[in-house]
N, C-alpha and C. Protein backbone atom coordinates (compact mmCIF):
# COMPACT_ATOMS: atom_id res chain seq x y z
N UNK A 1 10.11 17.67 6.63
CA UNK A 1 9.50 16.52 6.03
C UNK A 1 8.39 16.93 5.06
N UNK A 2 7.67 17.99 5.36
CA UNK A 2 6.60 18.42 4.48
C UNK A 2 7.10 18.97 3.16
N UNK A 3 8.34 19.44 3.13
CA UNK A 3 8.87 19.96 1.89
C UNK A 3 9.21 18.86 0.90
N UNK A 4 9.18 17.61 1.35
CA UNK A 4 9.52 16.49 0.49
C UNK A 4 8.30 15.75 -0.04
N UNK A 5 7.11 16.28 0.16
CA UNK A 5 5.90 15.64 -0.33
C UNK A 5 5.78 15.90 -1.83
N UNK A 6 5.62 14.82 -2.59
CA UNK A 6 5.51 14.94 -4.04
C UNK A 6 4.07 14.73 -4.48
N UNK A 7 3.71 15.39 -5.58
CA UNK A 7 2.35 15.30 -6.09
C UNK A 7 2.34 14.72 -7.50
N UNK A 8 3.32 15.05 -8.32
CA UNK A 8 3.35 14.57 -9.70
C UNK A 8 3.69 13.08 -9.74
N UNK A 9 3.07 12.34 -10.66
CA UNK A 9 3.40 10.92 -10.80
C UNK A 9 4.87 10.74 -11.16
N UNK A 10 5.46 9.68 -10.66
CA UNK A 10 6.87 9.43 -10.94
C UNK A 10 7.06 8.01 -11.42
N UNK A 11 8.17 7.79 -12.08
CA UNK A 11 8.49 6.45 -12.58
C UNK A 11 8.86 5.52 -11.43
N UNK A 12 9.31 6.09 -10.31
CA UNK A 12 9.66 5.28 -9.15
C UNK A 12 8.47 4.48 -8.66
N UNK A 13 7.30 5.03 -8.81
CA UNK A 13 6.09 4.42 -8.28
C UNK A 13 5.64 3.22 -9.11
N UNK A 14 6.00 3.16 -10.37
CA UNK A 14 5.49 2.14 -11.27
C UNK A 14 5.78 0.72 -10.79
N UNK A 15 6.99 0.46 -10.35
CA UNK A 15 7.35 -0.87 -9.87
C UNK A 15 6.48 -1.28 -8.69
N UNK A 16 6.30 -0.39 -7.74
CA UNK A 16 5.52 -0.70 -6.54
C UNK A 16 4.04 -0.89 -6.87
N UNK A 17 3.54 -0.12 -7.81
CA UNK A 17 2.15 -0.25 -8.24
C UNK A 17 1.94 -1.60 -8.92
N UNK A 18 2.87 -2.00 -9.77
CA UNK A 18 2.75 -3.29 -10.45
C UNK A 18 2.85 -4.46 -9.47
N UNK A 19 3.75 -4.37 -8.51
CA UNK A 19 3.86 -5.42 -7.49
C UNK A 19 2.58 -5.50 -6.68
N UNK A 20 2.06 -4.36 -6.29
CA UNK A 20 0.81 -4.30 -5.52
C UNK A 20 -0.33 -4.93 -6.32
N UNK A 21 -0.45 -4.57 -7.57
CA UNK A 21 -1.51 -5.11 -8.42
C UNK A 21 -1.37 -6.62 -8.57
N UNK A 22 -0.17 -7.08 -8.80
CA UNK A 22 0.08 -8.52 -8.94
C UNK A 22 -0.29 -9.27 -7.66
N UNK A 23 0.12 -8.74 -6.51
CA UNK A 23 -0.17 -9.40 -5.25
C UNK A 23 -1.66 -9.38 -4.92
N UNK A 24 -2.33 -8.29 -5.22
CA UNK A 24 -3.77 -8.22 -4.99
C UNK A 24 -4.51 -9.30 -5.78
N UNK A 25 -4.18 -9.41 -7.05
CA UNK A 25 -4.88 -10.38 -7.90
C UNK A 25 -4.42 -11.81 -7.63
N UNK A 26 -3.14 -12.01 -7.38
CA UNK A 26 -2.64 -13.36 -7.13
C UNK A 26 -3.20 -13.92 -5.83
N UNK A 27 -3.42 -13.07 -4.85
CA UNK A 27 -3.92 -13.55 -3.57
C UNK A 27 -5.34 -14.09 -3.67
N UNK A 28 -6.09 -13.65 -4.65
CA UNK A 28 -7.47 -14.14 -4.78
C UNK A 28 -7.52 -15.60 -5.19
N UNK A 29 -6.45 -16.14 -5.73
CA UNK A 29 -6.43 -17.56 -6.10
C UNK A 29 -6.40 -18.46 -4.86
N UNK A 30 -6.03 -17.91 -3.72
CA UNK A 30 -5.97 -18.69 -2.49
C UNK A 30 -7.26 -18.63 -1.67
N UNK A 31 -8.21 -17.85 -2.14
CA UNK A 31 -9.49 -17.73 -1.44
C UNK A 31 -10.41 -18.84 -1.93
N UNK A 32 -10.78 -19.73 -1.01
CA UNK A 32 -11.63 -20.86 -1.40
C UNK A 32 -13.02 -20.81 -0.78
N UNK A 33 -13.16 -20.09 0.32
CA UNK A 33 -14.47 -19.98 0.97
C UNK A 33 -14.55 -18.62 1.69
N UNK A 34 -15.64 -18.40 2.38
CA UNK A 34 -15.84 -17.12 3.06
C UNK A 34 -14.81 -16.88 4.14
N UNK A 35 -14.45 -17.91 4.87
CA UNK A 35 -13.46 -17.76 5.94
C UNK A 35 -12.09 -17.35 5.41
N UNK A 36 -11.65 -18.00 4.35
CA UNK A 36 -10.35 -17.62 3.78
C UNK A 36 -10.44 -16.25 3.12
N UNK A 37 -11.60 -15.91 2.57
CA UNK A 37 -11.78 -14.57 1.99
C UNK A 37 -11.65 -13.49 3.04
N UNK A 38 -12.28 -13.70 4.18
CA UNK A 38 -12.18 -12.72 5.28
C UNK A 38 -10.75 -12.65 5.82
N UNK A 39 -10.08 -13.80 5.90
CA UNK A 39 -8.69 -13.83 6.35
C UNK A 39 -7.82 -12.96 5.45
N UNK A 40 -8.01 -13.09 4.15
CA UNK A 40 -7.21 -12.29 3.22
C UNK A 40 -7.60 -10.82 3.27
N UNK A 41 -8.90 -10.52 3.32
CA UNK A 41 -9.34 -9.12 3.34
C UNK A 41 -8.93 -8.39 4.62
N UNK A 42 -8.91 -9.11 5.74
CA UNK A 42 -8.65 -8.45 7.02
C UNK A 42 -7.20 -8.56 7.49
N UNK A 43 -6.43 -9.49 6.95
CA UNK A 43 -5.07 -9.65 7.45
C UNK A 43 -4.01 -9.62 6.35
N UNK A 44 -4.12 -10.50 5.39
CA UNK A 44 -3.06 -10.66 4.39
C UNK A 44 -2.94 -9.43 3.48
N UNK A 45 -4.04 -9.01 2.88
CA UNK A 45 -3.98 -7.86 1.96
C UNK A 45 -3.58 -6.56 2.66
N UNK A 46 -4.11 -6.26 3.86
CA UNK A 46 -3.63 -5.04 4.54
C UNK A 46 -2.15 -5.13 4.91
N UNK A 47 -1.70 -6.32 5.29
CA UNK A 47 -0.29 -6.48 5.64
C UNK A 47 0.60 -6.28 4.41
N UNK A 48 0.19 -6.85 3.28
CA UNK A 48 0.96 -6.65 2.04
C UNK A 48 0.97 -5.17 1.65
N UNK A 49 -0.17 -4.52 1.78
CA UNK A 49 -0.26 -3.09 1.47
C UNK A 49 0.67 -2.28 2.35
N UNK A 50 0.69 -2.59 3.64
CA UNK A 50 1.53 -1.84 4.58
C UNK A 50 3.01 -2.06 4.30
N UNK A 51 3.40 -3.29 4.05
CA UNK A 51 4.82 -3.59 3.81
C UNK A 51 5.32 -2.88 2.55
N UNK A 52 4.55 -2.97 1.49
CA UNK A 52 4.96 -2.31 0.24
C UNK A 52 5.00 -0.79 0.43
N UNK A 53 4.04 -0.23 1.14
CA UNK A 53 4.00 1.22 1.35
C UNK A 53 5.15 1.69 2.25
N UNK A 54 5.52 0.91 3.26
CA UNK A 54 6.67 1.28 4.10
C UNK A 54 7.94 1.28 3.26
N UNK A 55 8.11 0.28 2.44
CA UNK A 55 9.30 0.22 1.58
C UNK A 55 9.31 1.41 0.61
N UNK A 56 8.15 1.70 0.03
CA UNK A 56 8.07 2.84 -0.88
C UNK A 56 8.39 4.15 -0.15
N UNK A 57 7.80 4.34 1.02
CA UNK A 57 8.04 5.56 1.78
C UNK A 57 9.49 5.69 2.21
N UNK A 58 10.11 4.57 2.56
CA UNK A 58 11.52 4.59 2.97
C UNK A 58 12.41 4.97 1.80
N UNK A 59 12.15 4.39 0.64
CA UNK A 59 13.03 4.62 -0.50
C UNK A 59 12.75 5.90 -1.27
N UNK A 60 11.47 6.30 -1.34
CA UNK A 60 11.12 7.41 -2.23
C UNK A 60 10.40 8.56 -1.53
N UNK A 61 10.11 8.44 -0.26
CA UNK A 61 9.45 9.53 0.44
C UNK A 61 7.94 9.48 0.30
N UNK A 62 7.32 10.59 0.60
CA UNK A 62 5.87 10.68 0.61
C UNK A 62 5.38 11.16 -0.76
N UNK A 63 4.44 10.44 -1.31
CA UNK A 63 3.83 10.80 -2.58
C UNK A 63 2.32 10.78 -2.40
N UNK A 64 1.68 11.88 -2.68
CA UNK A 64 0.27 12.04 -2.42
C UNK A 64 -0.58 11.04 -3.21
N UNK A 65 -0.18 10.70 -4.41
CA UNK A 65 -0.98 9.82 -5.25
C UNK A 65 -0.88 8.34 -4.88
N UNK A 66 0.16 7.95 -4.17
CA UNK A 66 0.36 6.53 -3.90
C UNK A 66 -0.81 5.89 -3.14
N UNK A 67 -1.32 6.46 -2.06
CA UNK A 67 -2.48 5.84 -1.39
C UNK A 67 -3.72 5.79 -2.27
N UNK A 68 -3.93 6.81 -3.08
CA UNK A 68 -5.07 6.82 -3.98
C UNK A 68 -4.94 5.72 -5.03
N UNK A 69 -3.76 5.57 -5.58
CA UNK A 69 -3.52 4.52 -6.57
C UNK A 69 -3.69 3.15 -5.94
N UNK A 70 -3.22 2.99 -4.70
CA UNK A 70 -3.40 1.72 -3.99
C UNK A 70 -4.87 1.38 -3.86
N UNK A 71 -5.68 2.34 -3.50
CA UNK A 71 -7.12 2.11 -3.37
C UNK A 71 -7.74 1.77 -4.72
N UNK A 72 -7.33 2.46 -5.76
CA UNK A 72 -7.87 2.18 -7.09
C UNK A 72 -7.44 0.81 -7.60
N UNK A 73 -6.25 0.37 -7.23
CA UNK A 73 -5.81 -0.97 -7.61
C UNK A 73 -6.71 -2.02 -6.96
N UNK A 74 -7.07 -1.79 -5.71
CA UNK A 74 -7.94 -2.75 -5.05
C UNK A 74 -9.34 -2.73 -5.66
N UNK A 75 -9.73 -1.61 -6.23
CA UNK A 75 -11.03 -1.54 -6.90
C UNK A 75 -11.12 -2.56 -8.03
N UNK A 76 -10.02 -2.78 -8.74
CA UNK A 76 -10.03 -3.79 -9.80
C UNK A 76 -10.27 -5.19 -9.22
N UNK A 77 -9.73 -5.44 -8.03
CA UNK A 77 -9.93 -6.74 -7.38
C UNK A 77 -11.38 -6.88 -6.95
N UNK A 78 -11.95 -5.82 -6.39
CA UNK A 78 -13.35 -5.85 -5.96
C UNK A 78 -14.25 -6.11 -7.17
N UNK A 79 -13.96 -5.44 -8.24
CA UNK A 79 -14.78 -5.56 -9.44
C UNK A 79 -14.70 -6.96 -10.05
N UNK A 80 -13.52 -7.57 -10.03
CA UNK A 80 -13.34 -8.88 -10.67
C UNK A 80 -13.63 -10.06 -9.75
N UNK A 81 -13.32 -9.94 -8.46
CA UNK A 81 -13.33 -11.12 -7.60
C UNK A 81 -14.30 -11.06 -6.42
N UNK A 82 -14.69 -9.87 -6.00
CA UNK A 82 -15.56 -9.74 -4.84
C UNK A 82 -16.87 -9.09 -5.26
N UNK A 83 -17.66 -8.67 -4.29
CA UNK A 83 -18.87 -7.91 -4.61
C UNK A 83 -18.74 -6.50 -4.02
N UNK A 84 -19.76 -5.70 -4.21
CA UNK A 84 -19.68 -4.29 -3.81
C UNK A 84 -19.55 -4.08 -2.32
N UNK A 85 -19.84 -5.10 -1.51
CA UNK A 85 -19.69 -4.94 -0.06
C UNK A 85 -18.21 -4.79 0.34
N UNK A 86 -17.31 -5.18 -0.53
CA UNK A 86 -15.87 -5.05 -0.25
C UNK A 86 -15.34 -3.66 -0.59
N UNK A 87 -16.18 -2.78 -1.08
CA UNK A 87 -15.72 -1.43 -1.45
C UNK A 87 -15.23 -0.61 -0.25
N UNK A 88 -15.68 -0.92 0.94
CA UNK A 88 -15.21 -0.20 2.13
C UNK A 88 -13.71 -0.38 2.31
N UNK A 89 -13.19 -1.49 1.83
CA UNK A 89 -11.76 -1.75 1.95
C UNK A 89 -10.92 -0.84 1.07
N UNK A 90 -11.52 -0.20 0.09
CA UNK A 90 -10.79 0.79 -0.71
C UNK A 90 -10.26 1.89 0.19
N UNK A 91 -11.13 2.41 1.03
CA UNK A 91 -10.75 3.48 1.95
C UNK A 91 -9.74 2.95 2.98
N UNK A 92 -10.00 1.77 3.49
CA UNK A 92 -9.12 1.20 4.52
C UNK A 92 -7.72 0.97 3.97
N UNK A 93 -7.63 0.36 2.80
CA UNK A 93 -6.30 0.11 2.22
C UNK A 93 -5.59 1.39 1.82
N UNK A 94 -6.34 2.38 1.36
CA UNK A 94 -5.74 3.68 1.06
C UNK A 94 -5.17 4.34 2.31
N UNK A 95 -5.90 4.26 3.42
CA UNK A 95 -5.41 4.82 4.69
C UNK A 95 -4.21 4.03 5.21
N UNK A 96 -4.24 2.72 5.08
CA UNK A 96 -3.10 1.90 5.49
C UNK A 96 -1.87 2.28 4.67
N UNK A 97 -2.04 2.46 3.37
CA UNK A 97 -0.92 2.84 2.51
C UNK A 97 -0.37 4.21 2.89
N UNK A 98 -1.25 5.15 3.21
CA UNK A 98 -0.81 6.49 3.61
C UNK A 98 -0.01 6.45 4.90
N UNK A 99 -0.55 5.79 5.91
CA UNK A 99 0.13 5.72 7.22
C UNK A 99 1.45 4.97 7.09
N UNK A 100 1.45 3.87 6.37
CA UNK A 100 2.67 3.08 6.22
C UNK A 100 3.74 3.83 5.42
N UNK A 101 3.32 4.58 4.41
CA UNK A 101 4.27 5.35 3.63
C UNK A 101 4.92 6.43 4.50
N UNK A 102 4.13 7.10 5.31
CA UNK A 102 4.67 8.12 6.22
C UNK A 102 5.60 7.47 7.24
N UNK A 103 5.23 6.30 7.75
CA UNK A 103 6.10 5.59 8.69
C UNK A 103 7.43 5.21 8.03
N UNK A 104 7.38 4.82 6.76
CA UNK A 104 8.61 4.52 6.04
C UNK A 104 9.52 5.73 5.92
N UNK A 105 8.93 6.88 5.65
CA UNK A 105 9.71 8.13 5.57
C UNK A 105 10.28 8.51 6.93
N UNK A 106 9.47 8.36 7.98
CA UNK A 106 9.96 8.64 9.33
C UNK A 106 11.08 7.69 9.70
N UNK A 107 10.94 6.43 9.36
CA UNK A 107 11.98 5.44 9.64
C UNK A 107 13.30 5.82 8.95
N UNK A 108 13.20 6.28 7.72
CA UNK A 108 14.40 6.70 7.00
C UNK A 108 15.06 7.90 7.69
N UNK A 109 14.25 8.86 8.13
CA UNK A 109 14.80 10.03 8.82
C UNK A 109 15.45 9.64 10.14
N UNK A 110 14.83 8.71 10.87
CA UNK A 110 15.40 8.25 12.14
C UNK A 110 16.71 7.52 11.89
N UNK A 111 16.73 6.67 10.88
CA UNK A 111 17.96 5.93 10.56
C UNK A 111 19.08 6.90 10.15
N UNK A 112 18.72 7.93 9.41
CA UNK A 112 19.70 8.92 8.98
C UNK A 112 20.26 9.68 10.18
N UNK A 113 19.38 10.00 11.13
CA UNK A 113 19.82 10.74 12.32
C UNK A 113 20.71 9.89 13.21
N UNK A 114 20.42 8.61 13.35
CA UNK A 114 21.25 7.74 14.19
C UNK A 114 22.61 7.51 13.54
N UNK A 115 22.69 7.49 12.21
CA UNK A 115 23.98 7.36 11.55
C UNK A 115 24.84 8.59 11.73
N UNK A 116 24.21 9.77 11.77
CA UNK A 116 24.96 11.01 11.98
C UNK A 116 25.54 11.07 13.38
N UNK A 117 24.84 10.48 14.35
CA UNK A 117 25.33 10.50 15.73
C UNK A 117 26.53 9.59 15.92
N UNK A 118 26.65 8.56 15.10
CA UNK A 118 27.77 7.61 15.25
C UNK A 118 29.04 8.17 14.72
């Protein structure tokens, strides 16, 4: 699995990055007060990040830059829609993207192994 880790940017990543950016910014339109803001920061946005990263990891494997790019994408949301106290979520969303991407790759390997057994 370690031999499949990629470092160079790829065109495969562009679609997922654009979807992530769109969802990050579109979700801010649903934030109307502090409670809904916390709901999105603590549940909706991490869930969206994880789902997209699992799909990316399943289809394209592990890419070192993907979690970093995910964190930087959220930086644009913090800069435009939140305040600097939300910067801690950059690290959190980057870690969620990394773990979910690895889980997607593991899921693909497990699925491949179960198909070989059949």
